[in-house]
C-alpha atoms as a PDB file:
ATOM      1  CA  MET A   1      62.279 -86.560 160.454  1.00  0.00           C
ATOM      2  CA  GLY A   2      60.041 -87.717 157.128  1.00  0.00           C
ATOM      3  CA  THR A   3      57.847 -86.451 154.791  1.00  0.00           C
ATOM      4  CA  SER A   4      54.336 -86.818 155.446  1.00  0.00           C
ATOM      5  CA  ASN A   5      51.967 -86.980 152.194  1.00  0.00           C
ATOM      6  CA  TYR A   6      48.699 -85.540 153.057  1.00  0.00           C
ATOM      7  CA  SER A   7      45.889 -85.985 150.653  1.00  0.00           C
ATOM      8  CA  ASP A   8      44.555 -83.229 148.013  1.00  0.00           C
ATOM      9  CA  GLU A   9      41.320 -82.899 149.953  1.00  0.00           C
ATOM     10  CA  PHE A  10      42.985 -82.846 153.368  1.00  0.00           C
ATOM     11  CA  LYS A  11      44.759 -79.918 152.161  1.00  0.00           C
ATOM     12  CA  ARG A  12      42.537 -77.938 150.504  1.00  0.00           C
ATOM     13  CA  ASP A  13      40.061 -78.607 153.862  1.00  0.00           C
ATOM     14  CA  ALA A  14      43.423 -77.180 155.922  1.00  0.00           C
ATOM     15  CA  VAL A  15      43.745 -74.280 153.525  1.00  0.00           C
ATOM     16  CA  ASN A  16      39.587 -73.652 153.833  1.00  0.00           C
ATOM     17  CA  GLN A  17      39.527 -73.723 157.239  1.00  0.00           C
ATOM     18  CA  ILE A  18      42.055 -70.721 156.590  1.00  0.00           C
ATOM     19  CA  ARG A  19      40.450 -68.816 154.133  1.00  0.00           C
ATOM     20  CA  VAL A  20      37.307 -69.203 154.516  1.00  0.00           C
ATOM     21  CA  ARG A  21      36.497 -70.217 158.352  1.00  0.00           C
ATOM     22  CA  GLY A  22      39.129 -67.440 159.319  1.00  0.00           C
ATOM     23  CA  TYR A  23      41.632 -69.126 161.257  1.00  0.00           C
ATOM     24  CA  PRO A  24      44.906 -68.483 161.940  1.00  0.00           C
ATOM     25  CA  VAL A  25      47.415 -70.613 160.278  1.00  0.00           C
ATOM     26  CA  ARG A  26      49.512 -71.082 163.723  1.00  0.00           C
ATOM     27  CA  GLU A  27      46.522 -72.583 165.196  1.00  0.00           C
ATOM     28  CA  VAL A  28      45.045 -74.907 162.252  1.00  0.00           C
ATOM     29  CA  SER A  29      49.184 -75.731 162.447  1.00  0.00           C
ATOM     30  CA  GLN A  30      48.843 -76.641 165.702  1.00  0.00           C
ATOM     31  CA  ARG A  31      45.408 -79.056 165.335  1.00  0.00           C
ATOM     32  CA  LEU A  32      46.313 -80.585 162.067  1.00  0.00           C
ATOM     33  CA  GLY A  33      49.808 -81.741 163.206  1.00  0.00           C
ATOM     34  CA  VAL A  34      51.459 -79.646 160.073  1.00  0.00           C
ATOM     35  CA  SER A  35      54.564 -76.962 159.733  1.00  0.00           C
ATOM     36  CA  SER A  36      52.939 -73.668 159.244  1.00  0.00           C
ATOM     37  CA  HIS A  37      54.821 -73.818 156.707  1.00  0.00           C
ATOM     38  CA  SER A  38      53.426 -76.693 154.529  1.00  0.00           C
ATOM     39  CA  LEU A  39      50.392 -74.602 155.216  1.00  0.00           C
ATOM     40  CA  TYR A  40      51.605 -71.705 153.630  1.00  0.00           C
ATOM     41  CA  LYS A  41      53.074 -73.269 150.434  1.00  0.00           C
ATOM     42  CA  TRP A  42      49.253 -75.408 150.685  1.00  0.00           C
ATOM     43  CA  LEU A  43      47.590 -72.098 151.023  1.00  0.00           C
ATOM     44  CA  ARG A  44      50.223 -70.560 147.319  1.00  0.00           C
ATOM     45  CA  LEU A  45      49.158 -73.739 146.112  1.00  0.00           C
ATOM     46  CA  PHE A  46      45.004 -73.297 146.532  1.00  0.00           C
ATOM     47  CA  CYS A  47      44.115 -70.544 146.730  1.00  0.00           C
ATOM     48  CA  GLU A  48      42.997 -68.581 143.488  1.00  0.00           C
ATOM     49  CA  PRO A  49      44.851 -65.371 143.322  1.00  0.00           C
ATOM     50  CA  SER A  50      42.427 -62.019 143.921  1.00  0.00           C
ATOM     51  CA  PRO A  51      40.875 -60.466 140.865  1.00  0.00           C
ATOM     52  CA  LYS A  52      42.928 -57.691 139.903  1.00  0.00           C
ATOM     53  CA  VAL A  53      40.598 -54.600 139.636  1.00  0.00           C
ATOM     54  CA  VAL A  54      40.765 -53.912 135.959  1.00  0.00           C
ATOM     55  CA  GLY A  55      39.209 -50.935 133.863  1.00  0.00           C
ATOM     56  CA  ILE A  56      39.283 -48.162 136.595  1.00  0.00           C
ATOM     57  CA  ASP A  57      37.752 -44.896 135.202  1.00  0.00           C
ATOM     58  CA  HIS A  58      39.939 -42.439 137.879  1.00  0.00           C
ATOM     59  CA  GLU A  59      38.843 -39.360 135.610  1.00  0.00           C
ATOM     60  CA  ALA A  60      35.190 -40.757 136.521  1.00  0.00           C
ATOM     61  CA  GLU A  61      36.170 -41.305 139.484  1.00  0.00           C
ATOM     62  CA  ASN A  62      37.603 -38.078 139.971  1.00  0.00           C
ATOM     63  CA  ARG A  63      34.646 -35.846 139.085  1.00  0.00           C
ATOM     64  CA  ARG A  64      32.168 -38.336 141.931  1.00  0.00           C
ATOM     65  CA  LEU A  65      35.200 -37.042 144.192  1.00  0.00           C
ATOM     66  CA  LYS A  66      35.547 -33.633 143.368  1.00  0.00           C
ATOM     67  CA  ARG A  67      31.147 -33.320 143.431  1.00  0.00           C
ATOM     68  CA  GLU A  68      31.229 -34.794 147.337  1.00  0.00           C
ATOM     69  CA  LEU A  69      34.029 -32.457 148.136  1.00  0.00           C
ATOM     70  CA  ALA A  70      32.203 -29.461 147.299  1.00  0.00           C
ATOM     71  CA  ARG A  71      28.503 -31.208 148.849  1.00  0.00           C
ATOM     72  CA  VAL A  72      30.384 -31.443 152.155  1.00  0.00           C
ATOM     73  CA  THR A  73      32.409 -28.017 151.603  1.00  0.00           C
ATOM     74  CA  GLU A  74      28.900 -26.696 151.191  1.00  0.00           C
ATOM     75  CA  GLU A  75      27.479 -28.671 154.163  1.00  0.00           C
ATOM     76  CA  ARG A  76      30.312 -27.331 156.437  1.00  0.00           C
ATOM     77  CA  ASP A  77      30.209 -23.551 155.351  1.00  0.00           C
ATOM     78  CA  ILE A  78      25.906 -23.851 156.323  1.00  0.00           C
ATOM     79  CA  LEU A  79      26.913 -24.990 159.877  1.00  0.00           C
ATOM     80  CA  LYS A  80      29.769 -22.568 160.216  1.00  0.00           C
ATOM     81  CA  LYS A  81      26.940 -19.741 159.543  1.00  0.00           C
ATOM     82  CA  ALA A  82      24.677 -22.010 162.001  1.00  0.00           C
ATOM     83  CA  THR A  83      26.960 -21.715 164.496  1.00  0.00           C
ATOM     84  CA  ALA A  84      27.966 -17.877 163.801  1.00  0.00           C
ATOM     85  CA  TYR A  85      23.911 -17.136 164.352  1.00  0.00           C
ATOM     86  CA  PHE A  86      23.070 -18.692 167.489  1.00  0.00           C
ATOM     87  CA  ALA A  87      25.850 -18.136 169.336  1.00  0.00           C
ATOM     88  CA  ARG A  88      25.043 -14.273 168.387  1.00  0.00           C
ATOM     89  CA  GLU A  89      21.355 -15.324 169.888  1.00  0.00           C
ATOM     90  CA  SER A  90      22.576 -16.569 173.177  1.00  0.00           C
ATOM     91  CA  GLN A  91      24.767 -13.133 174.265  1.00  0.00           C
END
């Protein structure tokens, strides 16, 4: 079993089919006649690492979530009162 040398363009196209077009590795592997192991190696080689989220302001996110919780709690309480009111009216 010999090793095949594929051009960088071929490798990048294979990676592009997986990353951009969303084809499964197994399908691209079968279609191109390349082992899935090679494709995973090419993915690591040619894909840029996903950008890390830097500097999340946890305090601001916490304040936002507390405001949203207060709003949703108030809406729930209003709906409870409305339900009780209409239940009384229907009797």
